[in-house]
Amino acid sequence: MSELNAQPLSWGHGPAVFEVFLEPTCPYSVRAFNKLDALLAQVGEDKLTVKIRLQSQPWHLFSGVIVRCILAASTLPDGKAAARAVLKAVADHREEFEFTDHCSGPNMDATPQQIIDRIESYSGVQLAAAFARPELQSEIKWHCKYARQNGIHVSPTFLVNGLVQADLGSGDDISVWAQRILA
């Protein structure tokens, strides 16, 4: 691999922008992630751009490894689809990447390499070589910096056209999100 070209985690091409800050193993983030396709279908790709921003959180103990896997996948050929496949694999098997009470359980003996192997197995995306690229760090730092610049502390957090929507949540029906986006 030569140059690092991470593809943006965005779908749709409309003027309204809905940004979602997700921690991939957070149950609330998973719930929000699983609604994004339906939201895009309801509002329309010509009216909406959905952007996923990754919000690594240290109490989700493998968060950094998983975020790096997602961003590594985004650098592969067909990177956007590969990153989405990794996100979906983690969402579909969330508990296999998490710790009991964020401090114990079966993952206490798991290594970062085992987590990468699990993600590759579930997603079908071979990302270990991309994961090992030192220059991937700049993409990871960009997500972190962007979240901090926007005052993001929890996941999921939603922005509509650049403004934090503190009253939107993962439990909201997508019609609530669509109404806010189209307002």
N, C-alpha and C. Protein backbone atom coordinates (compact mmCIF):
# COMPACT_ATOMS: atom_id res chain seq x y z
N MET A 1 0.85 -1.18 0.00
CA MET A 1 0.00 0.00 0.00
C MET A 1 0.89 1.24 0.00
N SER A 2 0.54 2.17 -0.81
CA SER A 2 1.34 3.39 -0.86
C SER A 2 0.63 4.50 -0.11
N GLU A 3 -0.03 5.37 -0.83
CA GLU A 3 -0.67 6.54 -0.24
C GLU A 3 -1.92 6.13 0.54
N LEU A 4 -2.14 6.81 1.66
CA LEU A 4 -3.32 6.55 2.47
C LEU A 4 -4.48 7.38 1.92
N ASN A 5 -5.51 6.72 1.46
CA ASN A 5 -6.70 7.40 0.96
C ASN A 5 -7.92 6.84 1.67
N ALA A 6 -8.20 7.37 2.83
CA ALA A 6 -9.38 6.94 3.55
C ALA A 6 -10.60 7.55 2.88
N GLN A 7 -11.55 6.70 2.54
CA GLN A 7 -12.78 7.21 1.94
C GLN A 7 -13.68 7.73 3.04
N PRO A 8 -14.33 8.85 2.80
CA PRO A 8 -15.24 9.39 3.82
C PRO A 8 -16.39 8.43 4.10
N LEU A 9 -16.78 8.37 5.34
CA LEU A 9 -17.90 7.52 5.74
C LEU A 9 -19.18 8.33 5.57
N SER A 10 -19.56 8.52 4.32
CA SER A 10 -20.75 9.32 4.02
C SER A 10 -21.55 8.66 2.91
N TRP A 11 -22.86 8.85 3.01
CA TRP A 11 -23.79 8.28 2.05
C TRP A 11 -24.82 9.33 1.71
N GLY A 12 -25.30 9.30 0.49
CA GLY A 12 -26.22 10.32 0.01
C GLY A 12 -25.43 11.48 -0.54
N HIS A 13 -26.12 12.41 -1.19
CA HIS A 13 -25.45 13.55 -1.79
C HIS A 13 -26.31 14.81 -1.73
N GLY A 14 -27.20 14.86 -0.75
CA GLY A 14 -28.10 16.00 -0.64
C GLY A 14 -27.50 17.15 0.14
N PRO A 15 -28.16 18.29 0.10
CA PRO A 15 -27.65 19.49 0.78
C PRO A 15 -27.78 19.44 2.31
N ALA A 16 -28.77 18.73 2.83
CA ALA A 16 -28.91 18.60 4.29
C ALA A 16 -27.87 17.59 4.76
N VAL A 17 -27.18 17.91 5.85
CA VAL A 17 -26.12 17.05 6.35
C VAL A 17 -26.48 16.57 7.76
N PHE A 18 -26.51 15.26 7.92
CA PHE A 18 -26.80 14.62 9.20
C PHE A 18 -25.55 13.86 9.60
N GLU A 19 -24.86 14.37 10.62
CA GLU A 19 -23.65 13.72 11.12
C GLU A 19 -23.98 12.96 12.39
N VAL A 20 -23.47 11.73 12.47
CA VAL A 20 -23.73 10.88 13.62
C VAL A 20 -22.38 10.44 14.19
N PHE A 21 -22.16 10.79 15.45
CA PHE A 21 -20.93 10.39 16.15
C PHE A 21 -21.23 9.08 16.88
N LEU A 22 -20.53 8.03 16.46
CA LEU A 22 -20.79 6.69 16.97
C LEU A 22 -19.56 6.07 17.61
N GLU A 23 -19.79 5.35 18.70
CA GLU A 23 -18.79 4.44 19.26
C GLU A 23 -19.29 3.06 18.86
N PRO A 24 -18.51 2.32 18.07
CA PRO A 24 -19.02 1.11 17.43
C PRO A 24 -19.56 0.01 18.34
N THR A 25 -19.14 -0.06 19.60
CA THR A 25 -19.65 -1.11 20.48
C THR A 25 -20.70 -0.60 21.48
N CYS A 26 -21.01 0.67 21.43
CA CYS A 26 -22.03 1.25 22.31
C CYS A 26 -23.41 0.79 21.83
N PRO A 27 -24.24 0.24 22.71
CA PRO A 27 -25.54 -0.25 22.26
C PRO A 27 -26.43 0.85 21.66
N TYR A 28 -26.31 2.06 22.17
CA TYR A 28 -27.11 3.17 21.64
C TYR A 28 -26.60 3.60 20.26
N SER A 29 -25.29 3.56 20.08
CA SER A 29 -24.72 3.85 18.77
C SER A 29 -25.12 2.79 17.75
N VAL A 30 -25.14 1.54 18.17
CA VAL A 30 -25.56 0.46 17.28
C VAL A 30 -27.01 0.68 16.85
N ARG A 31 -27.85 1.05 17.80
CA ARG A 31 -29.26 1.31 17.47
C ARG A 31 -29.36 2.45 16.46
N ALA A 32 -28.59 3.51 16.65
CA ALA A 32 -28.61 4.63 15.70
C ALA A 32 -28.07 4.20 14.34
N PHE A 33 -26.95 3.48 14.33
CA PHE A 33 -26.35 3.00 13.08
C PHE A 33 -27.35 2.19 12.26
N ASN A 34 -28.09 1.33 12.94
CA ASN A 34 -29.03 0.45 12.25
C ASN A 34 -30.22 1.19 11.65
N LYS A 35 -30.39 2.46 11.98
CA LYS A 35 -31.49 3.27 11.43
C LYS A 35 -31.06 4.14 10.25
N LEU A 36 -29.77 4.23 10.00
CA LEU A 36 -29.29 5.21 9.01
C LEU A 36 -29.73 4.90 7.59
N ASP A 37 -29.75 3.64 7.18
CA ASP A 37 -30.20 3.31 5.82
C ASP A 37 -31.67 3.69 5.63
N ALA A 38 -32.49 3.40 6.61
CA ALA A 38 -33.92 3.73 6.52
C ALA A 38 -34.12 5.24 6.50
N LEU A 39 -33.31 5.96 7.26
CA LEU A 39 -33.40 7.42 7.25
C LEU A 39 -33.06 7.96 5.87
N LEU A 40 -31.98 7.47 5.30
CA LEU A 40 -31.57 7.92 3.97
C LEU A 40 -32.64 7.59 2.93
N ALA A 41 -33.25 6.42 3.04
CA ALA A 41 -34.32 6.04 2.11
C ALA A 41 -35.55 6.94 2.28
N GLN A 42 -35.87 7.27 3.53
CA GLN A 42 -37.06 8.08 3.80
C GLN A 42 -36.86 9.51 3.32
N VAL A 43 -35.73 10.10 3.62
CA VAL A 43 -35.50 11.50 3.25
C VAL A 43 -35.10 11.61 1.79
N GLY A 44 -34.30 10.68 1.31
CA GLY A 44 -33.86 10.68 -0.08
C GLY A 44 -32.40 11.08 -0.21
N GLU A 45 -31.66 10.28 -0.99
CA GLU A 45 -30.23 10.54 -1.17
C GLU A 45 -29.96 11.87 -1.86
N ASP A 46 -30.93 12.39 -2.59
CA ASP A 46 -30.76 13.68 -3.26
C ASP A 46 -31.02 14.85 -2.32
N LYS A 47 -31.56 14.57 -1.14
CA LYS A 47 -31.85 15.63 -0.16
C LYS A 47 -30.95 15.56 1.07
N LEU A 48 -30.29 14.42 1.27
CA LEU A 48 -29.58 14.19 2.53
C LEU A 48 -28.20 13.57 2.30
N THR A 49 -27.24 14.03 3.07
CA THR A 49 -25.94 13.39 3.18
C THR A 49 -25.79 12.95 4.62
N VAL A 50 -25.58 11.65 4.83
CA VAL A 50 -25.34 11.09 6.17
C VAL A 50 -23.84 10.87 6.30
N LYS A 51 -23.26 11.39 7.39
CA LYS A 51 -21.83 11.22 7.65
C LYS A 51 -21.65 10.55 9.01
N ILE A 52 -20.89 9.46 9.01
CA ILE A 52 -20.57 8.80 10.27
C ILE A 52 -19.21 9.30 10.74
N ARG A 53 -19.18 9.74 11.98
CA ARG A 53 -17.95 10.15 12.66
C ARG A 53 -17.74 9.16 13.79
N LEU A 54 -16.51 8.76 13.99
CA LEU A 54 -16.23 7.77 15.02
C LEU A 54 -15.79 8.43 16.31
N GLN A 55 -16.43 8.05 17.40
CA GLN A 55 -16.22 8.64 18.71
C GLN A 55 -15.70 7.56 19.65
N SER A 56 -14.39 7.34 19.64
CA SER A 56 -13.81 6.33 20.50
C SER A 56 -13.99 6.74 21.96
N GLN A 57 -14.37 5.77 22.79
CA GLN A 57 -14.59 6.05 24.21
C GLN A 57 -13.84 5.01 25.04
N PRO A 58 -13.01 5.48 25.99
CA PRO A 58 -12.11 4.56 26.69
C PRO A 58 -12.79 3.53 27.58
N TRP A 59 -14.02 3.75 28.00
CA TRP A 59 -14.67 2.73 28.83
C TRP A 59 -15.12 1.53 28.00
N HIS A 60 -15.23 1.71 26.69
CA HIS A 60 -15.41 0.58 25.78
C HIS A 60 -13.98 0.15 25.43
N LEU A 61 -13.48 -0.85 26.12
CA LEU A 61 -12.05 -1.10 26.20
C LEU A 61 -11.37 -1.44 24.88
N PHE A 62 -12.08 -1.98 23.91
CA PHE A 62 -11.48 -2.23 22.59
C PHE A 62 -11.88 -1.16 21.58
N SER A 63 -12.41 -0.06 22.05
CA SER A 63 -12.88 1.00 21.17
C SER A 63 -11.81 1.48 20.20
N GLY A 64 -10.62 1.75 20.70
CA GLY A 64 -9.55 2.24 19.84
C GLY A 64 -9.17 1.26 18.75
N VAL A 65 -9.11 -0.01 19.10
CA VAL A 65 -8.77 -1.05 18.12
C VAL A 65 -9.86 -1.13 17.05
N ILE A 66 -11.10 -1.10 17.48
CA ILE A 66 -12.22 -1.24 16.54
C ILE A 66 -12.34 -0.01 15.64
N VAL A 67 -12.18 1.18 16.21
CA VAL A 67 -12.19 2.40 15.39
C VAL A 67 -11.08 2.33 14.35
N ARG A 68 -9.91 1.89 14.76
CA ARG A 68 -8.80 1.78 13.80
C ARG A 68 -9.14 0.76 12.70
N CYS A 69 -9.80 -0.34 13.05
CA CYS A 69 -10.22 -1.32 12.05
C CYS A 69 -11.16 -0.70 11.02
N ILE A 70 -12.13 0.06 11.49
CA ILE A 70 -13.10 0.69 10.59
C ILE A 70 -12.39 1.66 9.65
N LEU A 71 -11.52 2.49 10.20
CA LEU A 71 -10.82 3.46 9.36
C LEU A 71 -9.81 2.78 8.46
N ALA A 72 -9.20 1.69 8.91
CA ALA A 72 -8.31 0.92 8.04
C ALA A 72 -9.09 0.37 6.86
N ALA A 73 -10.28 -0.14 7.11
CA ALA A 73 -11.12 -0.66 6.03
C ALA A 73 -11.46 0.44 5.03
N SER A 74 -11.61 1.66 5.51
CA SER A 74 -11.96 2.77 4.60
C SER A 74 -10.83 3.12 3.64
N THR A 75 -9.63 2.61 3.88
CA THR A 75 -8.49 2.88 2.99
C THR A 75 -8.34 1.81 1.92
N LEU A 76 -9.10 0.75 2.00
CA LEU A 76 -9.01 -0.35 1.05
C LEU A 76 -9.77 -0.01 -0.23
N PRO A 77 -9.53 -0.75 -1.31
CA PRO A 77 -10.37 -0.58 -2.50
C PRO A 77 -11.83 -0.77 -2.08
N ASP A 78 -12.70 0.06 -2.61
CA ASP A 78 -14.11 0.05 -2.20
C ASP A 78 -14.21 0.32 -0.70
N GLY A 79 -13.40 1.27 -0.24
CA GLY A 79 -13.25 1.55 1.18
C GLY A 79 -14.50 1.89 1.93
N LYS A 80 -15.38 2.67 1.31
CA LYS A 80 -16.61 3.04 2.00
C LYS A 80 -17.46 1.80 2.31
N ALA A 81 -17.59 0.92 1.34
CA ALA A 81 -18.35 -0.32 1.54
C ALA A 81 -17.65 -1.23 2.54
N ALA A 82 -16.33 -1.28 2.48
CA ALA A 82 -15.56 -2.11 3.41
C ALA A 82 -15.73 -1.59 4.84
N ALA A 83 -15.64 -0.29 5.02
CA ALA A 83 -15.81 0.30 6.36
C ALA A 83 -17.22 0.04 6.88
N ARG A 84 -18.22 0.16 6.01
CA ARG A 84 -19.59 -0.10 6.42
C ARG A 84 -19.76 -1.57 6.81
N ALA A 85 -19.12 -2.47 6.08
CA ALA A 85 -19.19 -3.90 6.41
C ALA A 85 -18.58 -4.17 7.77
N VAL A 86 -17.49 -3.49 8.09
CA VAL A 86 -16.87 -3.65 9.41
C VAL A 86 -17.79 -3.09 10.49
N LEU A 87 -18.34 -1.90 10.27
CA LEU A 87 -19.29 -1.33 11.23
C LEU A 87 -20.46 -2.28 11.47
N LYS A 88 -21.00 -2.84 10.40
CA LYS A 88 -22.15 -3.74 10.51
C LYS A 88 -21.77 -5.02 11.25
N ALA A 89 -20.60 -5.56 10.96
CA ALA A 89 -20.14 -6.78 11.64
C ALA A 89 -20.00 -6.54 13.14
N VAL A 90 -19.42 -5.42 13.52
CA VAL A 90 -19.27 -5.10 14.94
C VAL A 90 -20.65 -4.88 15.57
N ALA A 91 -21.53 -4.17 14.87
CA ALA A 91 -22.88 -3.93 15.40
C ALA A 91 -23.63 -5.24 15.59
N ASP A 92 -23.53 -6.13 14.61
CA ASP A 92 -24.26 -7.40 14.68
C ASP A 92 -23.72 -8.35 15.74
N HIS A 93 -22.46 -8.15 16.14
CA HIS A 93 -21.82 -9.03 17.13
C HIS A 93 -21.26 -8.21 18.29
N ARG A 94 -21.93 -7.13 18.63
CA ARG A 94 -21.44 -6.14 19.58
C ARG A 94 -20.91 -6.75 20.87
N GLU A 95 -21.64 -7.67 21.45
CA GLU A 95 -21.25 -8.21 22.75
C GLU A 95 -19.95 -9.00 22.69
N GLU A 96 -19.58 -9.47 21.51
CA GLU A 96 -18.32 -10.20 21.36
C GLU A 96 -17.10 -9.27 21.32
N PHE A 97 -17.36 -7.97 21.32
CA PHE A 97 -16.29 -6.97 21.30
C PHE A 97 -16.30 -6.12 22.57
N GLU A 98 -17.12 -6.47 23.51
CA GLU A 98 -17.33 -5.66 24.71
C GLU A 98 -16.92 -6.45 25.95
N PHE A 99 -16.82 -5.75 27.06
CA PHE A 99 -16.49 -6.33 28.35
C PHE A 99 -17.71 -6.27 29.25
N THR A 100 -17.83 -7.22 30.15
CA THR A 100 -18.90 -7.19 31.14
C THR A 100 -18.63 -6.03 32.09
N ASP A 101 -19.61 -5.15 32.23
CA ASP A 101 -19.48 -3.96 33.09
C ASP A 101 -18.22 -3.15 32.75
N HIS A 102 -17.78 -3.22 31.51
CA HIS A 102 -16.60 -2.48 31.02
C HIS A 102 -15.30 -2.84 31.75
N CYS A 103 -15.28 -4.02 32.41
CA CYS A 103 -14.07 -4.32 33.18
C CYS A 103 -13.77 -5.81 33.36
N SER A 104 -14.62 -6.68 32.84
CA SER A 104 -14.40 -8.10 33.08
C SER A 104 -15.04 -8.92 31.96
N GLY A 105 -14.99 -10.23 32.11
CA GLY A 105 -15.64 -11.11 31.15
C GLY A 105 -14.68 -11.77 30.19
N PRO A 106 -15.23 -12.47 29.20
CA PRO A 106 -14.42 -13.28 28.28
C PRO A 106 -13.36 -12.49 27.52
N ASN A 107 -13.59 -11.24 27.22
CA ASN A 107 -12.61 -10.47 26.45
C ASN A 107 -11.38 -10.05 27.24
N MET A 108 -11.34 -10.37 28.52
CA MET A 108 -10.15 -10.05 29.32
C MET A 108 -8.91 -10.75 28.75
N ASP A 109 -9.09 -11.87 28.12
CA ASP A 109 -7.96 -12.60 27.55
C ASP A 109 -7.77 -12.37 26.05
N ALA A 110 -8.63 -11.54 25.46
CA ALA A 110 -8.53 -11.27 24.03
C ALA A 110 -7.41 -10.27 23.75
N THR A 111 -6.73 -10.48 22.65
CA THR A 111 -5.67 -9.56 22.23
C THR A 111 -6.20 -8.69 21.09
N PRO A 112 -5.55 -7.57 20.83
CA PRO A 112 -5.95 -6.78 19.67
C PRO A 112 -5.95 -7.61 18.38
N GLN A 113 -4.98 -8.50 18.21
CA GLN A 113 -4.95 -9.33 17.00
C GLN A 113 -6.17 -10.24 16.92
N GLN A 114 -6.61 -10.77 18.05
CA GLN A 114 -7.81 -11.61 18.05
C GLN A 114 -9.05 -10.78 17.68
N ILE A 115 -9.09 -9.54 18.11
CA ILE A 115 -10.21 -8.66 17.76
C ILE A 115 -10.19 -8.39 16.25
N ILE A 116 -9.02 -8.11 15.70
CA ILE A 116 -8.90 -7.91 14.25
C ILE A 116 -9.35 -9.17 13.51
N ASP A 117 -8.89 -10.31 13.96
CA ASP A 117 -9.27 -11.58 13.33
C ASP A 117 -10.79 -11.79 13.36
N ARG A 118 -11.41 -11.47 14.50
CA ARG A 118 -12.86 -11.61 14.63
C ARG A 118 -13.58 -10.71 13.64
N ILE A 119 -13.12 -9.47 13.57
CA ILE A 119 -13.75 -8.51 12.66
C ILE A 119 -13.59 -8.97 11.21
N GLU A 120 -12.40 -9.44 10.86
CA GLU A 120 -12.20 -9.95 9.50
C GLU A 120 -13.13 -11.13 9.21
N SER A 121 -13.28 -12.01 10.17
CA SER A 121 -14.13 -13.19 9.99
C SER A 121 -15.59 -12.79 9.79
N TYR A 122 -16.10 -11.88 10.63
CA TYR A 122 -17.50 -11.48 10.55
C TYR A 122 -17.79 -10.59 9.36
N SER A 123 -16.86 -9.75 8.98
CA SER A 123 -17.12 -8.77 7.92
C SER A 123 -16.70 -9.25 6.53
N GLY A 124 -15.77 -10.21 6.48
CA GLY A 124 -15.23 -10.63 5.20
C GLY A 124 -14.22 -9.65 4.63
N VAL A 125 -13.82 -8.66 5.43
CA VAL A 125 -12.88 -7.63 5.00
C VAL A 125 -11.50 -7.95 5.57
N GLN A 126 -10.53 -8.09 4.70
CA GLN A 126 -9.15 -8.34 5.14
C GLN A 126 -8.49 -6.99 5.40
N LEU A 127 -8.37 -6.64 6.66
CA LEU A 127 -7.90 -5.30 6.99
C LEU A 127 -6.64 -5.25 7.84
N ALA A 128 -6.05 -6.37 8.16
CA ALA A 128 -4.89 -6.40 9.06
C ALA A 128 -3.72 -5.58 8.51
N ALA A 129 -3.44 -5.68 7.22
CA ALA A 129 -2.32 -4.92 6.65
C ALA A 129 -2.59 -3.42 6.71
N ALA A 130 -3.81 -3.02 6.41
CA ALA A 130 -4.17 -1.59 6.49
C ALA A 130 -4.13 -1.10 7.93
N PHE A 131 -4.56 -1.96 8.87
CA PHE A 131 -4.54 -1.62 10.29
C PHE A 131 -3.12 -1.27 10.74
N ALA A 132 -2.13 -1.97 10.20
CA ALA A 132 -0.73 -1.81 10.63
C ALA A 132 -0.03 -0.60 10.02
N ARG A 133 -0.70 0.14 9.18
CA ARG A 133 -0.07 1.30 8.55
C ARG A 133 0.01 2.48 9.53
N PRO A 134 1.21 2.93 9.89
CA PRO A 134 1.35 4.03 10.85
C PRO A 134 0.63 5.31 10.42
N GLU A 135 0.57 5.58 9.13
CA GLU A 135 -0.06 6.83 8.67
C GLU A 135 -1.57 6.86 8.90
N LEU A 136 -2.16 5.72 9.25
CA LEU A 136 -3.58 5.69 9.59
C LEU A 136 -3.88 6.54 10.82
N GLN A 137 -2.86 6.75 11.63
CA GLN A 137 -3.03 7.53 12.85
C GLN A 137 -3.60 8.93 12.58
N SER A 138 -3.23 9.54 11.46
CA SER A 138 -3.73 10.89 11.18
C SER A 138 -5.24 10.89 10.96
N GLU A 139 -5.77 9.84 10.36
CA GLU A 139 -7.22 9.74 10.15
C GLU A 139 -7.93 9.54 11.50
N ILE A 140 -7.37 8.73 12.34
CA ILE A 140 -7.94 8.51 13.68
C ILE A 140 -7.96 9.82 14.46
N LYS A 141 -6.85 10.53 14.42
CA LYS A 141 -6.77 11.81 15.14
C LYS A 141 -7.75 12.83 14.59
N TRP A 142 -7.99 12.80 13.27
CA TRP A 142 -8.95 13.74 12.70
C TRP A 142 -10.33 13.52 13.31
N HIS A 143 -10.78 12.27 13.40
CA HIS A 143 -12.09 11.99 13.99
C HIS A 143 -12.16 12.48 15.43
N CYS A 144 -11.11 12.24 16.18
CA CYS A 144 -11.06 12.67 17.58
C CYS A 144 -11.10 14.20 17.68
N LYS A 145 -10.28 14.85 16.90
CA LYS A 145 -10.21 16.32 16.92
C LYS A 145 -11.55 16.94 16.50
N TYR A 146 -12.15 16.39 15.45
CA TYR A 146 -13.43 16.92 14.97
C TYR A 146 -14.51 16.80 16.04
N ALA A 147 -14.53 15.69 16.74
CA ALA A 147 -15.49 15.52 17.83
C ALA A 147 -15.25 16.55 18.93
N ARG A 148 -14.01 16.72 19.31
CA ARG A 148 -13.69 17.70 20.36
C ARG A 148 -14.06 19.11 19.95
N GLN A 149 -13.77 19.45 18.70
CA GLN A 149 -14.10 20.80 18.21
C GLN A 149 -15.59 21.07 18.24
N ASN A 150 -16.39 20.02 18.15
CA ASN A 150 -17.84 20.17 18.17
C ASN A 150 -18.44 19.91 19.54
N GLY A 151 -17.60 19.72 20.55
CA GLY A 151 -18.08 19.51 21.91
C GLY A 151 -18.76 18.17 22.12
N ILE A 152 -18.37 17.17 21.35
CA ILE A 152 -18.98 15.84 21.44
C ILE A 152 -18.31 15.06 22.56
N HIS A 153 -19.13 14.54 23.48
CA HIS A 153 -18.60 13.78 24.60
C HIS A 153 -19.23 12.40 24.71
N VAL A 154 -20.41 12.22 24.15
CA VAL A 154 -21.12 10.95 24.28
C VAL A 154 -21.53 10.44 22.91
N SER A 155 -21.85 9.17 22.88
CA SER A 155 -22.34 8.58 21.64
C SER A 155 -23.69 7.92 21.91
N PRO A 156 -24.55 7.98 20.95
CA PRO A 156 -24.40 8.76 19.74
C PRO A 156 -24.75 10.22 19.98
N THR A 157 -24.15 11.07 19.21
CA THR A 157 -24.51 12.48 19.17
C THR A 157 -24.80 12.82 17.72
N PHE A 158 -25.78 13.69 17.51
CA PHE A 158 -26.24 14.02 16.18
C PHE A 158 -26.04 15.50 15.88
N LEU A 159 -25.58 15.79 14.67
CA LEU A 159 -25.48 17.16 14.18
C LEU A 159 -26.35 17.27 12.94
N VAL A 160 -27.11 18.33 12.85
CA VAL A 160 -27.86 18.64 11.64
C VAL A 160 -27.30 19.93 11.09
N ASN A 161 -26.76 19.86 9.90
CA ASN A 161 -26.15 21.02 9.25
C ASN A 161 -25.17 21.74 10.17
N GLY A 162 -24.36 20.95 10.87
CA GLY A 162 -23.28 21.48 11.70
C GLY A 162 -23.66 21.86 13.11
N LEU A 163 -24.92 21.71 13.49
CA LEU A 163 -25.37 22.09 14.83
C LEU A 163 -25.75 20.86 15.64
N VAL A 164 -25.21 20.76 16.87
CA VAL A 164 -25.51 19.64 17.75
C VAL A 164 -27.01 19.65 18.08
N GLN A 165 -27.60 18.46 18.02
CA GLN A 165 -29.02 18.28 18.33
C GLN A 165 -29.12 17.46 19.62
N ALA A 166 -28.96 18.13 20.75
CA ALA A 166 -28.88 17.43 22.03
C ALA A 166 -30.15 16.68 22.38
N ASP A 167 -31.27 17.06 21.79
CA ASP A 167 -32.54 16.40 22.12
C ASP A 167 -32.88 15.24 21.19
N LEU A 168 -32.01 14.93 20.23
CA LEU A 168 -32.22 13.75 19.40
C LEU A 168 -31.49 12.57 20.02
N GLY A 169 -32.10 11.40 19.92
CA GLY A 169 -31.48 10.21 20.49
C GLY A 169 -31.67 8.99 19.62
N SER A 170 -30.95 7.95 19.96
CA SER A 170 -31.02 6.71 19.19
C SER A 170 -32.38 6.04 19.31
N GLY A 171 -33.13 6.33 20.36
CA GLY A 171 -34.44 5.75 20.55
C GLY A 171 -35.54 6.44 19.77
N ASP A 172 -35.23 7.59 19.17
CA ASP A 172 -36.22 8.31 18.38
C ASP A 172 -36.57 7.55 17.11
N ASP A 173 -37.80 7.66 16.71
CA ASP A 173 -38.21 7.13 15.42
C ASP A 173 -37.51 7.93 14.33
N ILE A 174 -37.21 7.30 13.21
CA ILE A 174 -36.50 8.03 12.15
C ILE A 174 -37.34 9.17 11.60
N SER A 175 -38.64 9.14 11.77
CA SER A 175 -39.47 10.26 11.32
C SER A 175 -39.14 11.52 12.11
N VAL A 176 -38.75 11.35 13.37
CA VAL A 176 -38.34 12.51 14.19
C VAL A 176 -37.04 13.08 13.63
N TRP A 177 -36.10 12.22 13.30
CA TRP A 177 -34.84 12.67 12.71
C TRP A 177 -35.14 13.37 11.38
N ALA A 178 -35.96 12.76 10.54
CA ALA A 178 -36.25 13.31 9.21
C ALA A 178 -36.89 14.68 9.33
N GLN A 179 -37.82 14.82 10.26
CA GLN A 179 -38.48 16.11 10.44
C GLN A 179 -37.48 17.19 10.83
N ARG A 180 -36.55 16.87 11.71
CA ARG A 180 -35.53 17.84 12.13
C ARG A 180 -34.61 18.19 10.96
N ILE A 181 -34.24 17.21 10.19
CA ILE A 181 -33.34 17.43 9.06
C ILE A 181 -33.99 18.31 8.00
N LEU A 182 -35.25 18.10 7.75
CA LEU A 182 -35.95 18.81 6.68
C LEU A 182 -36.56 20.13 7.14
N ALA A 183 -36.43 20.44 8.42
CA ALA A 183 -37.03 21.68 8.96
C ALA A 183 -36.35 22.92 8.40
